Structure formats: C-alpha cells, structure tokens
Amino acid sequence: MTTLLVTHPACLEHLTPAGHPERPDRLRAIDRALEHERFQTLARVAAPAAELETIALCHPVDYVTGIRDATPKTGLVGLDADTTLSPGSFEAALRAAGGAVYAVDEVMTGRAKNAFVATRPPGHHTETTTPRSPRAMRRKRTASAAPPWWISTSTTATGRRIFSGRTPA
C-alpha cells in the first residue's frame, strides 16, 4: 500500500493579487519538490470535483451557489481585505474539496495507506451559513467537506452505518 498524492492543475487557476501569501506559486513549489525521485512511488491522482450534494453536508446550497455566482468571468473580485475570487476560483475550490473527500475515502477504505492533498484554495476562513457577508463569501471549507462526507456515507467494519448529525438524503 502506498501514499496517495491528490492534486489538480485547476488549483493553479485560483488567482490572487500580487503579494498575496496564498498564491499559485505555493502549489508550484510543492509540485517541484514532489518531482524528486524519492517521491516517484506516490500514487498520483487528479482531484475530482466535489459534488454540490457533498459540499452541502457542510454548507447550505445557497451559500455555495452564492460563491459560484460571485466568481467573475474576467479579472479579480475582492470580497474583503484578503479574499479574492478569479475566474478559476470556483473550479479550483471544487477540486480542492473533492480531493479532500477522495483522499479520506481512499484512506478510510484501506485503498491507500495515507494521503497528501496538494490543492488550493485552502478555504480556511470559510463560514457556513451567511453567503453574502464578506467573511462568509470565502471559499468552501476544503478539509471540513471530507469528514462529514465520510461519516454520512460510510459503514463500519461491523456493517453498522455511520451518520453525522445530518442524515444524508
């Protein structure tokens, strides 16, 4: 069993203003480091796009569609002092959340020993329910999408179904 590496080129398309610390060069640096021969045994997988239903385990659908609708066709849109959307931001966020979900699934089912998800945006400032407030317009909470998905869709080794606080439809 090997380590899984989940990434996607769409994650480079979430652009931020010059000088912003969360920028595509961070992911490019990781990609360069992982080109080293000692990392050639990683099982490399393209991050799938998260489904709206999966993200809805963490965020109301209106919240997600609000972010999607705020994504510009060209240029950058500043949502607050440190949050920016570009034309590629929504697709990148879907890949980041989908990659996290995929990695958790692969590890929890024993198909991978462990996983590293090299995606962006990180979504670490995301709110959960207020889609039009500046802080709430931040990208979907990448890491938080995976555990609720796993809990709400998994079955234990004893065959007992596990559900989060929200029963899936």
Protein backbone atom coordinates (compact mmCIF):
# COMPACT_ATOMS: atom_id res chain seq x y z
CA MET A 1 0.00 0.00 0.00
CA THR A 2 1.35 3.39 -0.93
CA THR A 3 0.85 7.06 -0.21
CA LEU A 4 -1.71 8.80 -2.35
CA LEU A 5 -0.99 12.23 -3.84
CA VAL A 6 -4.12 14.10 -4.90
CA THR A 7 -3.79 17.34 -6.87
CA HIS A 8 -5.23 19.07 -9.93
CA PRO A 9 -3.95 21.74 -12.35
CA ALA A 10 -7.22 23.70 -11.95
CA CYS A 11 -5.99 24.60 -8.46
CA LEU A 12 -3.37 26.84 -10.10
CA GLU A 13 -6.17 28.90 -11.64
CA HIS A 14 -7.35 30.45 -8.37
CA LEU A 15 -5.55 33.76 -8.76
CA THR A 16 -4.88 36.36 -6.09
CA PRO A 17 -3.42 39.87 -6.21
CA ALA A 18 0.36 40.33 -6.37
CA GLY A 19 1.95 39.79 -2.98
CA HIS A 20 -0.94 37.76 -1.52
CA PRO A 21 0.51 34.85 0.52
CA GLU A 22 -1.98 32.29 -0.84
CA ARG A 23 -0.88 32.16 -4.46
CA PRO A 24 -0.29 29.57 -7.20
CA ASP A 25 3.46 29.59 -6.56
CA ARG A 26 2.84 27.75 -3.29
CA LEU A 27 1.37 24.79 -5.18
CA ARG A 28 4.07 25.02 -7.86
CA ALA A 29 6.73 24.74 -5.15
CA ILE A 30 5.08 21.59 -3.79
CA ASP A 31 4.87 20.13 -7.31
CA ARG A 32 8.59 20.82 -7.87
CA ALA A 33 9.54 19.19 -4.57
CA LEU A 34 7.45 16.12 -5.34
CA GLU A 35 9.23 15.64 -8.68
CA HIS A 36 12.26 14.35 -6.74
CA GLU A 37 12.99 10.67 -7.31
CA ARG A 38 12.20 9.72 -3.70
CA PHE A 39 8.57 10.68 -4.35
CA GLN A 40 8.13 8.73 -7.59
CA THR A 41 6.34 5.88 -5.79
CA LEU A 42 3.45 8.14 -4.80
CA ALA A 43 0.14 7.09 -6.33
CA ARG A 44 -0.78 10.29 -8.20
CA VAL A 45 -4.45 11.03 -8.79
CA ALA A 46 -6.25 14.04 -10.25
CA ALA A 47 -8.61 15.55 -7.69
CA PRO A 48 -12.22 15.04 -8.71
CA ALA A 49 -14.61 17.97 -8.48
CA ALA A 50 -16.76 17.78 -5.37
CA GLU A 51 -20.46 17.38 -5.97
CA LEU A 52 -22.76 20.09 -4.66
CA GLU A 53 -24.50 17.47 -2.50
CA THR A 54 -21.21 16.66 -0.79
CA ILE A 55 -20.41 20.28 -0.08
CA ALA A 56 -23.97 20.69 1.21
CA LEU A 57 -23.01 18.41 4.10
CA CYS A 58 -21.03 21.40 5.40
CA HIS A 59 -22.68 24.39 3.77
CA PRO A 60 -26.18 25.32 2.65
CA VAL A 61 -26.63 25.09 -1.12
CA ASP A 62 -27.46 28.83 -1.27
CA TYR A 63 -24.08 29.55 0.30
CA VAL A 64 -22.24 27.54 -2.36
CA THR A 65 -24.23 28.97 -5.26
CA GLY A 66 -23.61 32.46 -3.84
CA ILE A 67 -19.89 31.87 -4.11
CA ARG A 68 -20.28 30.39 -7.58
CA ASP A 69 -22.34 33.38 -8.70
CA ALA A 70 -19.79 35.84 -7.27
CA THR A 71 -16.99 34.26 -9.33
CA PRO A 72 -16.01 36.74 -12.08
CA LYS A 73 -15.78 35.89 -15.77
CA THR A 74 -12.62 38.04 -16.03
CA GLY A 75 -10.30 39.76 -13.60
CA LEU A 76 -10.35 39.58 -9.83
CA VAL A 77 -13.15 40.33 -7.38
CA GLY A 78 -12.15 41.27 -3.85
CA LEU A 79 -14.61 40.03 -1.27
CA ASP A 80 -12.76 41.55 1.68
CA ALA A 81 -9.22 42.64 2.55
CA ASP A 82 -7.68 39.20 1.97
CA THR A 83 -10.22 37.18 -0.01
CA THR A 84 -10.24 37.29 -3.80
CA LEU A 85 -12.08 35.34 -6.47
CA SER A 86 -10.81 34.89 -10.03
CA PRO A 87 -12.42 33.11 -12.99
CA GLY A 88 -10.77 29.83 -11.92
CA SER A 89 -11.55 30.07 -8.21
CA PHE A 90 -14.79 28.10 -8.09
CA GLU A 91 -13.44 25.18 -10.14
CA ALA A 92 -10.29 25.18 -8.00
CA ALA A 93 -12.39 25.11 -4.82
CA LEU A 94 -14.48 22.22 -6.14
CA ARG A 95 -11.27 20.30 -6.92
CA ALA A 96 -9.80 21.11 -3.51
CA ALA A 97 -12.90 19.89 -1.67
CA GLY A 98 -13.27 16.89 -3.99
CA GLY A 99 -9.63 15.98 -3.49
CA ALA A 100 -10.02 16.03 0.28
CA VAL A 101 -13.12 13.85 0.10
CA TYR A 102 -11.43 11.42 -2.29
CA ALA A 103 -8.31 11.15 -0.10
CA VAL A 104 -10.32 10.44 3.06
CA ASP A 105 -12.34 7.80 1.22
CA GLU A 106 -9.22 6.07 -0.11
CA VAL A 107 -7.53 6.01 3.31
CA MET A 108 -10.61 5.05 5.32
CA THR A 109 -11.43 2.15 2.99
CA GLY A 110 -7.84 0.88 3.09
CA ARG A 111 -7.07 1.52 -0.58
CA ALA A 112 -4.28 3.91 0.46
CA LYS A 113 -2.05 3.91 3.50
CA ASN A 114 -2.20 7.70 3.75
CA ALA A 115 -2.69 10.69 1.50
CA PHE A 116 -1.38 14.15 0.76
CA VAL A 117 -3.76 16.56 -0.93
CA ALA A 118 -1.90 19.34 -2.74
CA THR A 119 -4.71 21.68 -3.73
CA ARG A 120 -5.83 25.23 -3.24
CA PRO A 121 -7.63 27.40 -2.25
CA PRO A 122 -7.43 26.16 1.33
CA GLY A 123 -10.83 27.52 2.41
CA HIS A 124 -9.57 28.03 5.95
CA HIS A 125 -11.67 31.16 6.55
CA THR A 126 -14.96 29.81 5.32
CA GLU A 127 -18.17 30.48 7.16
CA THR A 128 -21.08 28.09 6.96
CA THR A 129 -24.32 29.95 6.53
CA THR A 130 -24.18 33.62 5.51
CA PRO A 131 -23.37 33.71 1.80
CA ARG A 132 -23.37 37.49 1.33
CA SER A 133 -21.24 38.60 4.29
CA PRO A 134 -17.58 39.26 3.37
CA ARG A 135 -16.18 36.61 5.71
CA ALA A 136 -18.79 34.09 4.59
CA MET A 137 -18.03 34.52 0.90
CA ARG A 138 -14.72 32.78 1.35
CA ARG A 139 -14.04 29.57 -0.42
CA LYS A 140 -15.62 26.32 0.65
CA ARG A 141 -14.03 24.75 3.67
CA THR A 142 -11.83 22.20 1.94
CA ALA A 143 -10.82 19.97 4.81
CA SER A 144 -14.20 20.05 6.51
CA ALA A 145 -16.00 18.66 3.47
CA ALA A 146 -14.27 15.31 3.75
CA PRO A 147 -15.09 14.17 7.31
CA PRO A 148 -18.86 14.87 7.14
CA TRP A 149 -18.99 13.10 3.79
CA TRP A 150 -17.20 10.09 5.18
CA ILE A 151 -19.28 9.92 8.33
CA SER A 152 -22.55 10.35 6.48
CA THR A 153 -21.86 7.75 3.80
CA SER A 154 -19.73 5.09 5.43
CA THR A 155 -20.32 1.74 7.02
CA THR A 156 -18.12 0.43 9.81
CA ALA A 157 -16.20 -2.83 9.58
CA THR A 158 -19.01 -4.46 11.56
CA GLY A 159 -21.56 -3.35 8.97
CA ARG A 160 -23.06 -0.57 11.09
CA ARG A 161 -23.89 2.55 9.12
CA ILE A 162 -22.46 5.81 10.49
CA PHE A 163 -24.23 9.12 10.17
CA SER A 164 -23.20 12.62 11.08
CA GLY A 165 -25.65 14.93 12.80
CA ARG A 166 -27.31 15.38 9.41
CA THR A 167 -28.87 12.37 7.75
CA PRO A 168 -28.00 12.27 4.05
CA ALA A 169 -30.87 12.48 1.57
